[in-house]
Protein backbone atom coordinates (compact mmCIF):
# COMPACT_ATOMS: atom_id res chain seq x y z
CA MET A 1 0.00 0.00 0.00
CA LYS A 2 1.41 3.39 -0.98
CA ALA A 3 0.70 6.42 1.17
CA LEU A 4 0.58 9.83 -0.46
CA VAL A 5 2.48 12.88 0.73
CA ARG A 6 0.03 15.63 1.67
CA ILE A 7 0.41 18.83 -0.35
CA PRO A 8 -0.89 22.08 1.22
CA GLN A 9 -3.86 23.71 -0.52
CA GLY A 10 -2.92 26.08 -3.31
CA HIS A 11 0.05 23.99 -4.45
CA THR A 12 0.14 22.09 -7.70
CA LYS A 13 -1.78 18.82 -7.72
CA ASN A 14 0.84 17.21 -9.97
CA PHE A 15 3.41 17.30 -7.16
CA ARG A 16 1.95 14.31 -5.32
CA LEU A 17 4.58 11.69 -4.55
CA THR A 18 4.12 8.26 -3.12
CA MET A 19 6.14 7.39 -0.05
CA SER A 20 8.16 4.92 -2.09
CA GLN A 21 9.15 7.67 -4.53
CA SER A 22 9.99 9.97 -1.63
CA ASN A 23 12.05 7.20 -0.04
CA ILE A 24 13.96 6.70 -3.30
CA LYS A 25 14.73 10.41 -3.51
CA GLY A 26 15.93 10.39 0.10
CA ARG A 27 18.24 7.42 -0.54
CA GLN A 28 19.65 9.14 -3.63
CA LEU A 29 20.33 12.26 -1.57
CA GLU A 30 22.11 10.18 1.09
CA GLU A 31 24.24 8.49 -1.58
CA ALA A 32 25.16 11.86 -3.12
CA LEU A 33 26.24 13.15 0.30
CA ARG A 34 28.31 10.01 0.92
CA LEU A 35 30.10 10.47 -2.41
CA ILE A 36 30.78 14.15 -1.66
CA GLU A 37 32.21 13.30 1.75
CA GLU A 38 34.42 10.54 0.32
CA ALA A 39 35.70 12.84 -2.43
CA SER A 40 36.49 15.61 0.03
CA PHE A 41 38.77 13.30 2.06
CA LYS A 42 40.33 11.46 -0.87
CA ASP A 43 43.37 13.69 -1.40
CA ASP A 44 43.97 14.82 2.19
CA SER A 45 47.41 13.49 3.15
CA ARG A 46 46.62 13.90 6.88
CA LEU A 47 43.93 11.21 6.59
CA ARG A 48 45.99 8.53 4.83
CA ALA A 49 47.20 6.94 8.06
CA SER A 50 43.72 6.82 9.55
CA PRO A 51 40.97 7.41 6.98
CA PRO A 52 37.54 8.42 8.23
CA ALA A 53 34.86 5.75 8.58
CA ILE A 54 31.78 6.74 6.57
CA LYS A 55 28.54 4.84 7.23
CA THR A 56 25.03 5.28 5.91
CA ARG A 57 21.86 4.57 7.88
CA GLU A 58 23.66 3.86 11.15
CA ILE A 59 21.37 3.02 14.06
CA PHE A 60 21.97 4.45 17.54
CA ASN A 61 20.18 3.32 20.69
CA VAL A 62 19.58 6.20 23.11
CA SER A 63 17.67 5.39 26.30
CA GLY A 64 16.09 2.36 24.65
CA VAL A 65 14.96 4.29 21.55
CA HIS A 66 16.40 3.44 18.13
CA HIS A 67 17.47 6.39 15.95
CA GLU A 68 18.57 5.95 12.34
CA VAL A 69 21.10 8.53 11.14
CA ASP A 70 21.44 9.09 7.39
CA LEU A 71 25.24 9.47 7.30
CA THR A 72 27.99 9.38 9.92
CA VAL A 73 31.66 10.23 9.51
CA ARG A 74 34.09 9.16 12.28
CA PHE A 75 37.62 10.51 12.62
CA LEU A 76 40.46 9.29 14.83
CA LEU A 77 43.37 11.64 14.11
CA GLY A 78 46.24 10.36 16.23
CA THR A 79 44.59 11.11 19.55
CA HIS A 80 42.47 9.06 21.91
CA TYR A 81 39.43 11.17 20.99
CA GLU A 82 37.03 10.15 18.24
CA THR A 83 35.16 12.83 16.29
CA LEU A 84 31.70 11.92 15.06
CA HIS A 85 29.92 14.01 12.43
CA ILE A 86 26.21 13.30 11.89
CA PHE A 87 24.33 14.24 8.72
CA GLU A 88 20.57 14.14 8.22
CA CYS A 89 19.25 14.57 4.67
CA LYS A 90 15.95 16.30 4.03
CA ASN A 91 14.31 16.26 0.61
């Protein structure tokens, strides 16, 4: 069963998307962001020893609640601290 995205009154009727189409667009946006992030780190000599870990749709459990994050980038740059960057895509 496909649910329709609600369009506010006054907007074009031809803009109706099914959830599956919206989901596809969201996944494409996530993939584009992943490729941009990978390309931005590709030629950085400081990251050759420890390249960042890039994951899509990572699930975190916070106080018993599951949260899915579109894209995460983790850095460990020669210290005992890990840097975590979280990206959420909106289409």
